Amino acid sequence: MPKMLSTGTLQEIDTQHYGNKCKVMEQIMLARYELFIQKGIITHATSSMNTLALEERYGAGMRSRFREMFNKIGFPKTTPDKRKNHLQ
């Protein structure tokens, strides 16, 4: 099954589409949510945002969809950075 991997932190720039504000990542995640519901297609994503920050950015509806789509894995703040190229 096709999968989408976001290696970023769900950061996005608000943009305009025919004069309407548009959050590109939100639109992508809504499309992925529909694929998850309709066909069971899995999406993998990472974010450094906590759940409250996600809700502030995308709203309670998207937070609920994220809760349905993803398993949350948290690390303590003292966990060493796991990126291979970090601080090289």
PDB file of N, CA and C in Angstrom:
ATOM      1  N   MET A   1       0.832  -1.181   0.000  1.00  0.00           N
ATOM      2  CA  MET A   1       0.000   0.000   0.000  1.00  0.00           C
ATOM      3  C   MET A   1       0.878   1.246   0.000  1.00  0.00           C
ATOM      4  N   PRO A   2       0.480   2.291  -0.726  1.00  0.00           N
ATOM      5  CA  PRO A   2       1.260   3.526  -0.720  1.00  0.00           C
ATOM      6  C   PRO A   2       1.252   4.169   0.663  1.00  0.00           C
ATOM      7  N   LYS A   3       2.362   4.741   1.016  1.00  0.00           N
ATOM      8  CA  LYS A   3       2.485   5.420   2.296  1.00  0.00           C
ATOM      9  C   LYS A   3       3.111   6.778   2.069  1.00  0.00           C
ATOM     10  N   MET A   4       2.783   7.706   2.934  1.00  0.00           N
ATOM     11  CA  MET A   4       3.401   9.026   2.879  1.00  0.00           C
ATOM     12  C   MET A   4       4.261   9.181   4.110  1.00  0.00           C
ATOM     13  N   LEU A   5       5.464   9.611   3.924  1.00  0.00           N
ATOM     14  CA  LEU A   5       6.366   9.832   5.048  1.00  0.00           C
ATOM     15  C   LEU A   5       6.728  11.302   5.086  1.00  0.00           C
ATOM     16  N   SER A   6       6.402  11.941   6.182  1.00  0.00           N
ATOM     17  CA  SER A   6       6.781  13.340   6.369  1.00  0.00           C
ATOM     18  C   SER A   6       8.001  13.363   7.272  1.00  0.00           C
ATOM     19  N   THR A   7       9.121  13.778   6.747  1.00  0.00           N
ATOM     20  CA  THR A   7      10.323  13.820   7.574  1.00  0.00           C
ATOM     21  C   THR A   7      10.483  15.164   8.252  1.00  0.00           C
ATOM     22  N   GLY A   8       9.581  16.079   7.969  1.00  0.00           N
ATOM     23  CA  GLY A   8       9.609  17.391   8.601  1.00  0.00           C
ATOM     24  C   GLY A   8       8.852  17.350   9.914  1.00  0.00           C
ATOM     25  N   THR A   9       8.487  18.508  10.375  1.00  0.00           N
ATOM     26  CA  THR A   9       7.788  18.588  11.650  1.00  0.00           C
ATOM     27  C   THR A   9       6.381  19.135  11.455  1.00  0.00           C
ATOM     28  N   LEU A  10       5.771  18.792  10.355  1.00  0.00           N
ATOM     29  CA  LEU A  10       4.457  19.321   9.995  1.00  0.00           C
ATOM     30  C   LEU A  10       4.466  20.846   9.978  1.00  0.00           C
ATOM     31  N   GLN A  11       5.606  21.416   9.645  1.00  0.00           N
ATOM     32  CA  GLN A  11       5.696  22.863   9.525  1.00  0.00           C
ATOM     33  C   GLN A  11       5.196  23.243   8.141  1.00  0.00           C
ATOM     34  N   GLU A  12       4.530  24.352   8.083  1.00  0.00           N
ATOM     35  CA  GLU A  12       4.041  24.802   6.796  1.00  0.00           C
ATOM     36  C   GLU A  12       3.970  26.318   6.778  1.00  0.00           C
ATOM     37  N   ILE A  13       3.883  26.827   5.588  1.00  0.00           N
ATOM     38  CA  ILE A  13       3.685  28.251   5.388  1.00  0.00           C
ATOM     39  C   ILE A  13       2.259  28.429   4.906  1.00  0.00           C
ATOM     40  N   ASP A  14       1.516  29.325   5.544  1.00  0.00           N
ATOM     41  CA  ASP A  14       0.178  29.622   5.053  1.00  0.00           C
ATOM     42  C   ASP A  14       0.306  30.243   3.674  1.00  0.00           C
ATOM     43  N   THR A  15      -0.547  29.843   2.783  1.00  0.00           N
ATOM     44  CA  THR A  15      -0.495  30.339   1.419  1.00  0.00           C
ATOM     45  C   THR A  15      -1.879  30.800   1.011  1.00  0.00           C
ATOM     46  N   GLN A  16      -1.981  31.360  -0.150  1.00  0.00           N
ATOM     47  CA  GLN A  16      -3.264  31.845  -0.665  1.00  0.00           C
ATOM     48  C   GLN A  16      -3.638  31.032  -1.895  1.00  0.00           C
ATOM     49  N   HIS A  17      -4.914  30.669  -1.980  1.00  0.00           N
ATOM     50  CA  HIS A  17      -5.443  29.959  -3.147  1.00  0.00           C
ATOM     51  C   HIS A  17      -6.711  30.699  -3.563  1.00  0.00           C
ATOM     52  N   TYR A  18      -6.646  31.413  -4.670  1.00  0.00           N
ATOM     53  CA  TYR A  18      -7.752  32.250  -5.128  1.00  0.00           C
ATOM     54  C   TYR A  18      -8.223  33.196  -4.029  1.00  0.00           C
ATOM     55  N   GLY A  19      -7.272  33.777  -3.303  1.00  0.00           N
ATOM     56  CA  GLY A  19      -7.585  34.751  -2.277  1.00  0.00           C
ATOM     57  C   GLY A  19      -7.949  34.166  -0.925  1.00  0.00           C
ATOM     58  N   ASN A  20      -8.063  32.844  -0.828  1.00  0.00           N
ATOM     59  CA  ASN A  20      -8.398  32.188   0.432  1.00  0.00           C
ATOM     60  C   ASN A  20      -7.139  31.670   1.098  1.00  0.00           C
ATOM     61  N   LYS A  21      -7.032  31.868   2.418  1.00  0.00           N
ATOM     62  CA  LYS A  21      -5.893  31.313   3.143  1.00  0.00           C
ATOM     63  C   LYS A  21      -5.975  29.795   3.103  1.00  0.00           C
ATOM     64  N   CYS A  22      -4.829  29.176   2.925  1.00  0.00           N
ATOM     65  CA  CYS A  22      -4.776  27.718   2.808  1.00  0.00           C
ATOM     66  C   CYS A  22      -3.562  27.204   3.574  1.00  0.00           C
ATOM     67  N   LYS A  23      -3.782  26.215   4.419  1.00  0.00           N
ATOM     68  CA  LYS A  23      -2.690  25.537   5.110  1.00  0.00           C
ATOM     69  C   LYS A  23      -2.424  24.249   4.327  1.00  0.00           C
ATOM     70  N   VAL A  24      -1.336  24.255   3.602  1.00  0.00           N
ATOM     71  CA  VAL A  24      -1.039  23.157   2.676  1.00  0.00           C
ATOM     72  C   VAL A  24      -0.966  21.817   3.400  1.00  0.00           C
ATOM     73  N   MET A  25      -0.218  21.749   4.502  1.00  0.00           N
ATOM     74  CA  MET A  25      -0.079  20.477   5.207  1.00  0.00           C
ATOM     75  C   MET A  25      -1.437  19.994   5.733  1.00  0.00           C
ATOM     76  N   GLU A  26      -2.271  20.916   6.181  1.00  0.00           N
ATOM     77  CA  GLU A  26      -3.603  20.526   6.648  1.00  0.00           C
ATOM     78  C   GLU A  26      -4.403  19.887   5.515  1.00  0.00           C
ATOM     79  N   GLN A  27      -4.328  20.458   4.325  1.00  0.00           N
ATOM     80  CA  GLN A  27      -5.044  19.891   3.185  1.00  0.00           C
ATOM     81  C   GLN A  27      -4.501  18.508   2.820  1.00  0.00           C
ATOM     82  N   ILE A  28      -3.194  18.353   2.874  1.00  0.00           N
ATOM     83  CA  ILE A  28      -2.588  17.046   2.604  1.00  0.00           C
ATOM     84  C   ILE A  28      -3.054  16.023   3.640  1.00  0.00           C
ATOM     85  N   MET A  29      -3.040  16.423   4.920  1.00  0.00           N
ATOM     86  CA  MET A  29      -3.440  15.494   5.981  1.00  0.00           C
ATOM     87  C   MET A  29      -4.920  15.157   5.895  1.00  0.00           C
ATOM     88  N   LEU A  30      -5.765  16.099   5.470  1.00  0.00           N
ATOM     89  CA  LEU A  30      -7.187  15.793   5.268  1.00  0.00           C
ATOM     90  C   LEU A  30      -7.362  14.761   4.151  1.00  0.00           C
ATOM     91  N   ALA A  31      -6.591  14.918   3.078  1.00  0.00           N
ATOM     92  CA  ALA A  31      -6.650  13.942   1.980  1.00  0.00           C
ATOM     93  C   ALA A  31      -6.173  12.576   2.454  1.00  0.00           C
ATOM     94  N   ARG A  32      -5.105  12.543   3.244  1.00  0.00           N
ATOM     95  CA  ARG A  32      -4.594  11.278   3.772  1.00  0.00           C
ATOM     96  C   ARG A  32      -5.597  10.645   4.738  1.00  0.00           C
ATOM     97  N   TYR A  33      -6.309  11.472   5.510  1.00  0.00           N
ATOM     98  CA  TYR A  33      -7.338  10.963   6.422  1.00  0.00           C
ATOM     99  C   TYR A  33      -8.444  10.271   5.626  1.00  0.00           C
ATOM    100  N   GLU A  34      -8.864  10.883   4.528  1.00  0.00           N
ATOM    101  CA  GLU A  34      -9.890  10.266   3.685  1.00  0.00           C
ATOM    102  C   GLU A  34      -9.413   8.923   3.137  1.00  0.00           C
ATOM    103  N   LEU A  35      -8.160   8.853   2.705  1.00  0.00           N
ATOM    104  CA  LEU A  35      -7.610   7.574   2.222  1.00  0.00           C
ATOM    105  C   LEU A  35      -7.551   6.545   3.346  1.00  0.00           C
ATOM    106  N   PHE A  36      -7.245   6.993   4.553  1.00  0.00           N
ATOM    107  CA  PHE A  36      -7.207   6.098   5.718  1.00  0.00           C
ATOM    108  C   PHE A  36      -8.599   5.535   5.987  1.00  0.00           C
ATOM    109  N   ILE A  37      -9.608   6.382   5.983  1.00  0.00           N
ATOM    110  CA  ILE A  37     -10.974   5.955   6.267  1.00  0.00           C
ATOM    111  C   ILE A  37     -11.516   5.066   5.145  1.00  0.00           C
ATOM    112  N   GLN A  38     -11.324   5.486   3.906  1.00  0.00           N
ATOM    113  CA  GLN A  38     -11.921   4.778   2.778  1.00  0.00           C
ATOM    114  C   GLN A  38     -11.183   3.502   2.388  1.00  0.00           C
ATOM    115  N   LYS A  39      -9.853   3.511   2.463  1.00  0.00           N
ATOM    116  CA  LYS A  39      -9.069   2.383   1.937  1.00  0.00           C
ATOM    117  C   LYS A  39      -8.081   1.793   2.929  1.00  0.00           C
ATOM    118  N   GLY A  40      -7.997   2.360   4.132  1.00  0.00           N
ATOM    119  CA  GLY A  40      -7.075   1.835   5.133  1.00  0.00           C
ATOM    120  C   GLY A  40      -5.613   2.143   4.849  1.00  0.00           C
ATOM    121  N   ILE A  41      -5.352   3.128   4.005  1.00  0.00           N
ATOM    122  CA  ILE A  41      -3.973   3.488   3.670  1.00  0.00           C
ATOM    123  C   ILE A  41      -3.343   4.218   4.856  1.00  0.00           C
ATOM    124  N   ILE A  42      -2.163   3.780   5.234  1.00  0.00           N
ATOM    125  CA  ILE A  42      -1.477   4.287   6.423  1.00  0.00           C
ATOM    126  C   ILE A  42      -0.571   5.463   6.057  1.00  0.00           C
ATOM    127  N   THR A  43      -0.512   6.435   6.939  1.00  0.00           N
ATOM    128  CA  THR A  43       0.379   7.583   6.802  1.00  0.00           C
ATOM    129  C   THR A  43       1.317   7.606   7.996  1.00  0.00           C
ATOM    130  N   HIS A  44       2.592   7.820   7.742  1.00  0.00           N
ATOM    131  CA  HIS A  44       3.578   7.983   8.810  1.00  0.00           C
ATOM    132  C   HIS A  44       3.976   9.453   8.841  1.00  0.00           C
ATOM    133  N   ALA A  45       4.022  10.041  10.016  1.00  0.00           N
ATOM    134  CA  ALA A  45       4.406  11.450  10.142  1.00  0.00           C
ATOM    135  C   ALA A  45       5.180  11.648  11.433  1.00  0.00           C
ATOM    136  N   THR A  46       5.997  12.681  11.449  1.00  0.00           N
ATOM    137  CA  THR A  46       6.698  13.060  12.668  1.00  0.00           C
ATOM    138  C   THR A  46       6.413  14.523  12.939  1.00  0.00           C
ATOM    139  N   SER A  47       6.458  14.878  14.198  1.00  0.00           N
ATOM    140  CA  SER A  47       6.262  16.268  14.567  1.00  0.00           C
ATOM    141  C   SER A  47       6.914  16.536  15.910  1.00  0.00           C
ATOM    142  N   SER A  48       7.478  17.701  16.035  1.00  0.00           N
ATOM    143  CA  SER A  48       8.004  18.105  17.332  1.00  0.00           C
ATOM    144  C   SER A  48       6.938  18.873  18.119  1.00  0.00           C
ATOM    145  N   MET A  49       5.763  19.041  17.529  1.00  0.00           N
ATOM    146  CA  MET A  49       4.667  19.748  18.198  1.00  0.00           C
ATOM    147  C   MET A  49       3.944  18.795  19.149  1.00  0.00           C
ATOM    148  N   ASN A  50       3.567  19.307  20.314  1.00  0.00           N
ATOM    149  CA  ASN A  50       2.758  18.485  21.210  1.00  0.00           C
ATOM    150  C   ASN A  50       1.289  18.585  20.789  1.00  0.00           C
ATOM    151  N   THR A  51       0.430  17.818  21.437  1.00  0.00           N
ATOM    152  CA  THR A  51      -0.967  17.760  21.006  1.00  0.00           C
ATOM    153  C   THR A  51      -1.678  19.110  21.141  1.00  0.00           C
ATOM    154  N   LEU A  52      -1.339  19.868  22.165  1.00  0.00           N
ATOM    155  CA  LEU A  52      -1.976  21.184  22.313  1.00  0.00           C
ATOM    156  C   LEU A  52      -1.542  22.137  21.203  1.00  0.00           C
ATOM    157  N   ALA A  53      -0.263  22.087  20.826  1.00  0.00           N
ATOM    158  CA  ALA A  53       0.219  22.932  19.735  1.00  0.00           C
ATOM    159  C   ALA A  53      -0.430  22.525  18.411  1.00  0.00           C
ATOM    160  N   LEU A  54      -0.602  21.224  18.196  1.00  0.00           N
ATOM    161  CA  LEU A  54      -1.284  20.754  16.991  1.00  0.00           C
ATOM    162  C   LEU A  54      -2.720  21.267  16.949  1.00  0.00           C
ATOM    163  N   GLU A  55      -3.396  21.211  18.097  1.00  0.00           N
ATOM    164  CA  GLU A  55      -4.777  21.695  18.147  1.00  0.00           C
ATOM    165  C   GLU A  55      -4.841  23.207  17.909  1.00  0.00           C
ATOM    166  N   GLU A  56      -3.906  23.958  18.472  1.00  0.00           N
ATOM    167  CA  GLU A  56      -3.887  25.405  18.247  1.00  0.00           C
ATOM    168  C   GLU A  56      -3.676  25.725  16.769  1.00  0.00           C
ATOM    169  N   ARG A  57      -2.811  24.955  16.118  1.00  0.00           N
ATOM    170  CA  ARG A  57      -2.486  25.208  14.712  1.00  0.00           C
ATOM    171  C   ARG A  57      -3.591  24.747  13.764  1.00  0.00           C
ATOM    172  N   TYR A  58      -4.131  23.535  14.008  1.00  0.00           N
ATOM    173  CA  TYR A  58      -5.045  22.917  13.054  1.00  0.00           C
ATOM    174  C   TYR A  58      -6.487  22.793  13.536  1.00  0.00           C
ATOM    175  N   GLY A  59      -6.735  23.032  14.823  1.00  0.00           N
ATOM    176  CA  GLY A  59      -8.094  22.941  15.351  1.00  0.00           C
ATOM    177  C   GLY A  59      -8.392  21.579  15.961  1.00  0.00           C
ATOM    178  N   ALA A  60      -9.470  21.547  16.738  1.00  0.00           N
ATOM    179  CA  ALA A  60      -9.849  20.324  17.451  1.00  0.00           C
ATOM    180  C   ALA A  60     -10.225  19.186  16.499  1.00  0.00           C
ATOM    181  N   GLY A  61     -10.814  19.531  15.365  1.00  0.00           N
ATOM    182  CA  GLY A  61     -11.207  18.503  14.399  1.00  0.00           C
ATOM    183  C   GLY A  61     -10.014  17.743  13.839  1.00  0.00           C
ATOM    184  N   MET A  62      -8.965  18.484  13.472  1.00  0.00           N
ATOM    185  CA  MET A  62      -7.767  17.818  12.947  1.00  0.00           C
ATOM    186  C   MET A  62      -7.064  17.041  14.052  1.00  0.00           C
ATOM    187  N   ARG A  63      -7.051  17.589  15.262  1.00  0.00           N
ATOM    188  CA  ARG A  63      -6.421  16.858  16.367  1.00  0.00           C
ATOM    189  C   ARG A  63      -7.123  15.513  16.559  1.00  0.00           C
ATOM    190  N   SER A  64      -8.434  15.506  16.452  1.00  0.00           N
ATOM    191  CA  SER A  64      -9.200  14.268  16.582  1.00  0.00           C
ATOM    192  C   SER A  64      -8.851  13.292  15.454  1.00  0.00           C
ATOM    193  N   ARG A  65      -8.716  13.813  14.247  1.00  0.00           N
ATOM    194  CA  ARG A  65      -8.342  12.950  13.115  1.00  0.00           C
ATOM    195  C   ARG A  65      -6.937  12.385  13.308  1.00  0.00           C
ATOM    196  N   PHE A  66      -6.013  13.227  13.789  1.00  0.00           N
ATOM    197  CA  PHE A  66      -4.656  12.746  14.062  1.00  0.00           C
ATOM    198  C   PHE A  66      -4.698  11.625  15.095  1.00  0.00           C
ATOM    199  N   ARG A  67      -5.515  11.792  16.120  1.00  0.00           N
ATOM    200  CA  ARG A  67      -5.627  10.774  17.167  1.00  0.00           C
ATOM    201  C   ARG A  67      -6.116   9.443  16.571  1.00  0.00           C
ATOM    202  N   GLU A  68      -7.019   9.547  15.598  1.00  0.00           N
ATOM    203  CA  GLU A  68      -7.546   8.344  14.955  1.00  0.00           C
ATOM    204  C   GLU A  68      -6.526   7.711  14.000  1.00  0.00           C
ATOM    205  N   MET A  69      -5.745   8.530  13.313  1.00  0.00           N
ATOM    206  CA  MET A  69      -4.822   8.044  12.293  1.00  0.00           C
ATOM    207  C   MET A  69      -3.495   7.532  12.832  1.00  0.00           C
ATOM    208  N   PHE A  70      -3.026   8.115  13.934  1.00  0.00           N
ATOM    209  CA  PHE A  70      -1.652   7.878  14.367  1.00  0.00           C
ATOM    210  C   PHE A  70      -1.564   7.274  15.758  1.00  0.00           C
ATOM    211  N   ASN A  71      -0.487   6.554  15.984  1.00  0.00           N
ATOM    212  CA  ASN A  71      -0.089   6.149  17.322  1.00  0.00           C
ATOM    213  C   ASN A  71       0.922   7.183  17.801  1.00  0.00           C
ATOM    214  N   LYS A  72       0.713   7.704  18.967  1.00  0.00           N
ATOM    215  CA  LYS A  72       1.611   8.730  19.504  1.00  0.00           C
ATOM    216  C   LYS A  72       2.746   8.059  20.264  1.00  0.00           C
ATOM    217  N   ILE A  73       3.956   8.434  19.916  1.00  0.00           N
ATOM    218  CA  ILE A  73       5.136   7.953  20.619  1.00  0.00           C
ATOM    219  C   ILE A  73       5.864   9.172  21.148  1.00  0.00           C
ATOM    220  N   GLY A  74       5.981   9.275  22.445  1.00  0.00           N
ATOM    221  CA  GLY A  74       6.638  10.422  23.055  1.00  0.00           C
ATOM    222  C   GLY A  74       7.966  10.028  23.668  1.00  0.00           C
ATOM    223  N   PHE A  75       8.877  10.964  23.695  1.00  0.00           N
ATOM    224  CA  PHE A  75      10.181  10.760  24.312  1.00  0.00           C
ATOM    225  C   PHE A  75      10.375  11.805  25.401  1.00  0.00           C
ATOM    226  N   PRO A  76      11.016  11.437  26.505  1.00  0.00           N
ATOM    227  CA  PRO A  76      11.329  12.445  27.518  1.00  0.00           C
ATOM    228  C   PRO A  76      12.254  13.520  26.933  1.00  0.00           C
ATOM    229  N   LYS A  77      12.186  14.712  27.481  1.00  0.00           N
ATOM    230  CA  LYS A  77      13.020  15.805  26.983  1.00  0.00           C
ATOM    231  C   LYS A  77      14.505  15.508  27.118  1.00  0.00           C
ATOM    232  N   THR A  78      14.862  14.594  27.992  1.00  0.00           N
ATOM    233  CA  THR A  78      16.272  14.249  28.197  1.00  0.00           C
ATOM    234  C   THR A  78      16.781  13.222  27.187  1.00  0.00           C
ATOM    235  N   THR A  79      15.914  12.713  26.316  1.00  0.00           N
ATOM    236  CA  THR A  79      16.322  11.726  25.317  1.00  0.00           C
ATOM    237  C   THR A  79      17.276  12.370  24.311  1.00  0.00           C
ATOM    238  N   PRO A  80      18.421  11.729  24.032  1.00  0.00           N
ATOM    239  CA  PRO A  80      19.356  12.289  23.043  1.00  0.00           C
ATOM    240  C   PRO A  80      18.713  12.352  21.655  1.00  0.00           C
ATOM    241  N   ASP A  81      19.129  13.310  20.863  1.00  0.00           N
ATOM    242  CA  ASP A  81      18.622  13.473  19.504  1.00  0.00           C
ATOM    243  C   ASP A  81      18.992  12.226  18.694  1.00  0.00           C
ATOM    244  N   LYS A  82      18.031  11.696  17.964  1.00  0.00           N
ATOM    245  CA  LYS A  82      18.249  10.455  17.221  1.00  0.00           C
ATOM    246  C   LYS A  82      18.551  10.687  15.734  1.00  0.00           C
ATOM    247  N   ARG A  83      18.582  11.949  15.300  1.00  0.00           N
ATOM    248  CA  ARG A  83      18.915  12.217  13.910  1.00  0.00           C
ATOM    249  C   ARG A  83      20.392  11.948  13.670  1.00  0.00           C
ATOM    250  N   LYS A  84      20.707  11.321  12.559  1.00  0.00           N
ATOM    251  CA  LYS A  84      22.091  10.935  12.269  1.00  0.00           C
ATOM    252  C   LYS A  84      22.986  12.132  12.041  1.00  0.00           C
ATOM    253  N   ASN A  85      22.491  13.176  11.405  1.00  0.00           N
ATOM    254  CA  ASN A  85      23.335  14.314  11.041  1.00  0.00           C
ATOM    255  C   ASN A  85      23.208  15.476  12.012  1.00  0.00           C
ATOM    256  N   HIS A  86      22.625  15.263  13.158  1.00  0.00           N
ATOM    257  CA  HIS A  86      22.395  16.354  14.088  1.00  0.00           C
ATOM    258  C   HIS A  86      23.718  16.924  14.594  1.00  0.00           C
ATOM    259  N   LEU A  87      23.859  18.210  14.438  1.00  0.00           N
ATOM    260  CA  LEU A  87      25.031  18.960  14.917  1.00  0.00           C
ATOM    261  C   LEU A  87      26.356  18.482  14.324  1.00  0.00           C
ATOM    262  N   GLN A  88      26.358  18.145  13.068  1.00  0.00           N
ATOM    263  CA  GLN A  88      27.614  17.739  12.438  1.00  0.00           C
ATOM    264  C   GLN A  88      28.190  18.897  11.671  1.00  0.00           C
TER     265      GLN A  88
END
